[in-house]
C-alpha atoms as a PDB file:
ATOM      1  CA  MET A   1     106.684 145.914  99.553  1.00  0.00           C
ATOM      2  CA  GLY A   2     109.518 144.535  97.459  1.00  0.00           C
ATOM      3  CA  PHE A   3     110.379 145.109  93.846  1.00  0.00           C
ATOM      4  CA  THR A   4     111.588 142.679  91.222  1.00  0.00           C
ATOM      5  CA  ARG A   5     113.440 143.395  88.000  1.00  0.00           C
ATOM      6  CA  THR A   6     111.862 142.032  84.799  1.00  0.00           C
ATOM      7  CA  ASP A   7     113.800 140.597  81.865  1.00  0.00           C
ATOM      8  CA  GLY A   8     113.748 144.024  80.241  1.00  0.00           C
ATOM      9  CA  GLY A   9     115.203 145.700  83.347  1.00  0.00           C
ATOM     10  CA  LEU A  10     111.970 147.320  84.536  1.00  0.00           C
ATOM     11  CA  LEU A  11     111.331 147.428  88.308  1.00  0.00           C
ATOM     12  CA  VAL A  12     107.822 146.274  89.195  1.00  0.00           C
ATOM     13  CA  PRO A  13     106.120 145.522  92.524  1.00  0.00           C
ATOM     14  CA  GLU A  14     106.339 141.834  93.424  1.00  0.00           C
ATOM     15  CA  GLY A  15     102.609 141.141  93.198  1.00  0.00           C
ATOM     16  CA  ALA A  16     102.224 142.907  89.835  1.00  0.00           C
ATOM     17  CA  GLN A  17     104.319 140.324  87.974  1.00  0.00           C
ATOM     18  CA  GLU A  18     102.281 137.467  89.455  1.00  0.00           C
ATOM     19  CA  ALA A  19      99.037 139.221  88.545  1.00  0.00           C
ATOM     20  CA  ALA A  20     100.213 139.860  84.972  1.00  0.00           C
ATOM     21  CA  VAL A  21     101.290 136.241  84.416  1.00  0.00           C
ATOM     22  CA  ASP A  22      98.101 134.924  86.038  1.00  0.00           C
ATOM     23  CA  ALA A  23      95.993 137.175  83.783  1.00  0.00           C
ATOM     24  CA  ALA A  24      97.896 135.991  80.686  1.00  0.00           C
ATOM     25  CA  LEU A  25      97.351 132.349  81.689  1.00  0.00           C
ATOM     26  CA  ARG A  26      93.627 132.935  82.164  1.00  0.00           C
ATOM     27  CA  ARG A  27      93.420 134.642  78.759  1.00  0.00           C
ATOM     28  CA  HIS A  28      94.927 131.512  77.237  1.00  0.00           C
ATOM     29  CA  ASP A  29      92.652 129.176  79.197  1.00  0.00           C
ATOM     30  CA  PRO A  30      90.212 130.297  81.920  1.00  0.00           C
ATOM     31  CA  ASP A  31      90.812 127.087  83.908  1.00  0.00           C
ATOM     32  CA  LEU A  32      94.567 127.654  84.396  1.00  0.00           C
ATOM     33  CA  ARG A  33      95.798 128.784  87.818  1.00  0.00           C
ATOM     34  CA  LEU A  34      99.217 130.128  88.834  1.00  0.00           C
ATOM     35  CA  VAL A  35     100.171 128.725  92.247  1.00  0.00           C
ATOM     36  CA  PRO A  36     103.229 130.200  94.047  1.00  0.00           C
ATOM     37  CA  GLN A  37     104.872 127.849  96.549  1.00  0.00           C
ATOM     38  CA  ASP A  38     107.860 128.207  98.854  1.00  0.00           C
ATOM     39  CA  SER A  39     110.435 125.842  97.470  1.00  0.00           C
ATOM     40  CA  ASP A  40     113.344 125.557  99.881  1.00  0.00           C
ATOM     41  CA  ALA A  41     115.057 126.770 103.010  1.00  0.00           C
ATOM     42  CA  TYR A  42     116.361 129.858 101.183  1.00  0.00           C
ATOM     43  CA  GLY A  43     112.846 131.266 100.865  1.00  0.00           C
ATOM     44  CA  ARG A  44     112.775 131.137  97.090  1.00  0.00           C
ATOM     45  CA  ARG A  45     109.436 130.676  95.360  1.00  0.00           C
ATOM     46  CA  VAL A  46     108.629 128.221  92.657  1.00  0.00           C
ATOM     47  CA  TYR A  47     105.598 128.829  90.468  1.00  0.00           C
ATOM     48  CA  LYS A  48     103.424 125.956  89.332  1.00  0.00           C
ATOM     49  CA  VAL A  49     100.546 125.969  86.889  1.00  0.00           C
ATOM     50  CA  TYR A  50      97.471 123.812  87.489  1.00  0.00           C
ATOM     51  CA  ARG A  51      94.299 123.268  85.468  1.00  0.00           C
ATOM     52  CA  TYR A  52      91.166 123.664  87.606  1.00  0.00           C
ATOM     53  CA  ASN A  53      88.671 120.805  87.057  1.00  0.00           C
ATOM     54  CA  GLY A  54      85.836 121.985  89.248  1.00  0.00           C
ATOM     55  CA  PRO A  55      85.091 121.483  92.922  1.00  0.00           C
ATOM     56  CA  ASP A  56      84.563 117.698  92.644  1.00  0.00           C
ATOM     57  CA  ARG A  57      87.900 116.719  91.087  1.00  0.00           C
ATOM     58  CA  PRO A  58      91.495 117.581  91.927  1.00  0.00           C
ATOM     59  CA  ALA A  59      93.396 120.040  89.735  1.00  0.00           C
ATOM     60  CA  ASP A  60      95.734 118.706  87.027  1.00  0.00           C
ATOM     61  CA  PHE A  61      99.398 119.687  87.209  1.00  0.00           C
ATOM     62  CA  VAL A  62     100.516 121.381  83.979  1.00  0.00           C
ATOM     63  CA  CYS A  63     104.096 122.510  84.632  1.00  0.00           C
ATOM     64  CA  ALA A  64     106.501 124.046  87.139  1.00  0.00           C
ATOM     65  CA  TRP A  65     108.691 127.074  86.539  1.00  0.00           C
ATOM     66  CA  TRP A  66     112.192 125.836  87.380  1.00  0.00           C
ATOM     67  CA  ASP A  67     115.387 124.872  85.612  1.00  0.00           C
ATOM     68  CA  ARG A  68     116.838 121.392  85.004  1.00  0.00           C
ATOM     69  CA  LYS A  69     118.251 121.281  88.538  1.00  0.00           C
ATOM     70  CA  HIS A  70     114.822 122.176  89.985  1.00  0.00           C
ATOM     71  CA  ASP A  71     116.003 125.603  91.097  1.00  0.00           C
ATOM     72  CA  PRO A  72     113.157 128.149  90.857  1.00  0.00           C
ATOM     73  CA  LEU A  73     113.301 130.627  87.989  1.00  0.00           C
ATOM     74  CA  PRO A  74     112.235 134.259  88.352  1.00  0.00           C
ATOM     75  CA  LEU A  75     108.665 134.743  87.219  1.00  0.00           C
ATOM     76  CA  SER A  76     108.301 136.091  83.681  1.00  0.00           C
ATOM     77  CA  GLY A  77     106.093 135.888  80.625  1.00  0.00           C
ATOM     78  CA  ALA A  78     108.145 132.939  79.390  1.00  0.00           C
ATOM     79  CA  LEU A  79     106.061 130.767  81.722  1.00  0.00           C
ATOM     80  CA  VAL A  80     102.978 131.611  79.650  1.00  0.00           C
ATOM     81  CA  ASP A  81     104.890 130.709  76.466  1.00  0.00           C
ATOM     82  CA  MET A  82     105.846 127.347  77.976  1.00  0.00           C
ATOM     83  CA  VAL A  83     102.235 126.617  78.961  1.00  0.00           C
ATOM     84  CA  GLN A  84     101.085 127.491  75.439  1.00  0.00           C
ATOM     85  CA  MET A  85     103.734 125.180  73.989  1.00  0.00           C
ATOM     86  CA  LEU A  86     102.585 122.326  76.263  1.00  0.00           C
ATOM     87  CA  ASP A  87      98.910 122.859  75.451  1.00  0.00           C
ATOM     88  CA  LYS A  88      97.474 119.782  73.725  1.00  0.00           C
ATOM     89  CA  ASN A  89      94.851 121.893  71.958  1.00  0.00           C
ATOM     90  CA  SER A  90      97.475 123.991  70.149  1.00  0.00           C
ATOM     91  CA  PRO A  91      98.911 121.757  67.400  1.00  0.00           C
ATOM     92  CA  GLY A  92     102.275 122.549  65.933  1.00  0.00           C
ATOM     93  CA  ARG A  93     103.548 124.634  68.836  1.00  0.00           C
ATOM     94  CA  GLY A  94     105.961 122.051  70.156  1.00  0.00           C
ATOM     95  CA  PRO A  95     107.263 118.654  69.142  1.00  0.00           C
ATOM     96  CA  THR A  96     104.812 115.783  69.383  1.00  0.00           C
ATOM     97  CA  LEU A  97     105.592 112.734  71.468  1.00  0.00           C
ATOM     98  CA  GLU A  98     106.497 110.746  68.349  1.00  0.00           C
ATOM     99  CA  GLN A  99     108.860 113.469  67.144  1.00  0.00           C
ATOM    100  CA  GLU A 100     110.533 113.671  70.542  1.00  0.00           C
ATOM    101  CA  GLU A 101     110.970 109.870  70.700  1.00  0.00           C
ATOM    102  CA  ALA A 102     112.443 109.837  67.180  1.00  0.00           C
ATOM    103  CA  ARG A 103     114.867 112.600  68.148  1.00  0.00           C
ATOM    104  CA  ILE A 104     115.965 110.699  71.272  1.00  0.00           C
ATOM    105  CA  ARG A 105     116.392 107.443  69.296  1.00  0.00           C
ATOM    106  CA  ALA A 106     118.507 109.227  66.676  1.00  0.00           C
ATOM    107  CA  GLN A 107     120.613 110.834  69.385  1.00  0.00           C
ATOM    108  CA  LYS A 108     121.224 107.453  71.075  1.00  0.00           C
ATOM    109  CA  ARG A 109     122.169 105.858  67.730  1.00  0.00           C
ATOM    110  CA  LYS A 110     124.637 108.669  67.111  1.00  0.00           C
ATOM    111  CA  GLU A 111     126.150 108.244  70.597  1.00  0.00           C
ATOM    112  CA  ALA A 112     126.486 104.483  70.017  1.00  0.00           C
ATOM    113  CA  ARG A 113     128.264 105.071  66.693  1.00  0.00           C
ATOM    114  CA  GLU A 114     130.592 107.554  68.385  1.00  0.00           C
ATOM    115  CA  ALA A 115     131.345 105.054  71.172  1.00  0.00           C
ATOM    116  CA  THR A 116     132.132 102.170  68.779  1.00  0.00           C
ATOM    117  CA  ARG A 117     134.104 104.264  66.276  1.00  0.00           C
ATOM    118  CA  PRO A 118     137.536 103.504  67.875  1.00  0.00           C
ATOM    119  CA  ILE A 119     136.855  99.748  67.707  1.00  0.00           C
ATOM    120  CA  VAL A 120     135.820  99.921  64.060  1.00  0.00           C
ATOM    121  CA  GLU A 121     138.850 102.066  63.208  1.00  0.00           C
ATOM    122  CA  GLU A 122     141.186  99.607  64.928  1.00  0.00           C
ATOM    123  CA  PHE A 123     139.754  96.357  63.571  1.00  0.00           C
ATOM    124  CA  GLY A 124     138.180  97.651  60.350  1.00  0.00           C
ATOM    125  CA  PRO A 125     141.319  97.464  58.160  1.00  0.00           C
ATOM    126  CA  ARG A 126     141.684  93.754  59.005  1.00  0.00           C
ATOM    127  CA  LEU A 127     138.414  92.870  57.289  1.00  0.00           C
ATOM    128  CA  ASP A 128     139.744  93.090  53.654  1.00  0.00           C
ATOM    129  CA  GLY A 129     136.663  91.308  52.237  1.00  0.00           C
ATOM    130  CA  LYS A 130     136.970  88.028  54.175  1.00  0.00           C
ATOM    131  CA  LYS A 131     134.633  86.804  56.871  1.00  0.00           C
ATOM    132  CA  HIS A 132     136.442  87.706  60.047  1.00  0.00           C
ATOM    133  CA  THR A 133     135.186  88.698  63.415  1.00  0.00           C
ATOM    134  CA  LEU A 134     135.922  92.204  64.579  1.00  0.00           C
ATOM    135  CA  ILE A 135     137.188  90.955  67.930  1.00  0.00           C
ATOM    136  CA  PRO A 136     139.710  88.087  68.003  1.00  0.00           C
ATOM    137  CA  ARG A 137     138.457  84.988  69.828  1.00  0.00           C
ATOM    138  CA  SER A 138     140.588  83.129  72.369  1.00  0.00           C
ATOM    139  CA  GLN A 139     141.500  79.432  72.416  1.00  0.00           C
ATOM    140  CA  SER A 140     139.618  78.909  75.683  1.00  0.00           C
ATOM    141  CA  LEU A 141     136.422  80.174  74.054  1.00  0.00           C
ATOM    142  CA  ARG A 142     136.894  77.678  71.184  1.00  0.00           C
ATOM    143  CA  ARG A 143     137.473  74.833  73.648  1.00  0.00           C
ATOM    144  CA  ALA A 144     134.364  75.764  75.664  1.00  0.00           C
ATOM    145  CA  ARG A 145     132.276  75.745  72.496  1.00  0.00           C
ATOM    146  CA  ASP A 146     133.720  72.379  71.450  1.00  0.00           C
ATOM    147  CA  LYS A 147     132.786  70.912  74.851  1.00  0.00           C
ATOM    148  CA  GLU A 148     129.236  72.252  74.536  1.00  0.00           C
ATOM    149  CA  ARG A 149     128.906  70.805  71.037  1.00  0.00           C
ATOM    150  CA  ALA A 150     130.164  67.432  72.238  1.00  0.00           C
ATOM    151  CA  ARG A 151     127.671  67.433  75.110  1.00  0.00           C
ATOM    152  CA  GLN A 152     124.736  68.379  72.898  1.00  0.00           C
ATOM    153  CA  LYS A 153     125.848  66.365  69.846  1.00  0.00           C
ATOM    154  CA  LEU A 154     125.767  69.474  67.682  1.00  0.00           C
ATOM    155  CA  PRO A 155     127.256  69.380  64.205  1.00  0.00           C
ATOM    156  CA  GLU A 156     130.819  70.600  63.881  1.00  0.00           C
ATOM    157  CA  PHE A 157     131.302  74.061  62.498  1.00  0.00           C
ATOM    158  CA  ARG A 158     134.667  74.915  61.002  1.00  0.00           C
ATOM    159  CA  PRO A 159     135.159  78.365  59.462  1.00  0.00           C
END
């Protein structure tokens, strides 16, 4: 029988930690099941949580206990906290889908501003109140537009 060290440094038998986490999950919701699975060639275990739907329907996957690289994490009570945070019946525990989307949109806007900042700093002082483009246009672009206007009989536009 092997022993594992908990987050607090306590040595416990391997099966005791699984039993404690499984009992905590069932206290939260009697239909939750902790399922240990061998994850890779190194013999590490990944723990997954499923919601039991009865004998007629397959179980619903709730979450897996691994990091961002899909490497298994050691089993701890934090898995129960994550399941409680993901529970749809517990409002206010984690961000809603709308809040998460708004956060991602704001982050992408910020990254776009950061990426275009050098261009604005370089061409911004040239704007001095007149209508100018930020990026200078070439003569070949003007000629190509003139050809297209002539072909389509578009009105001339002179800035």
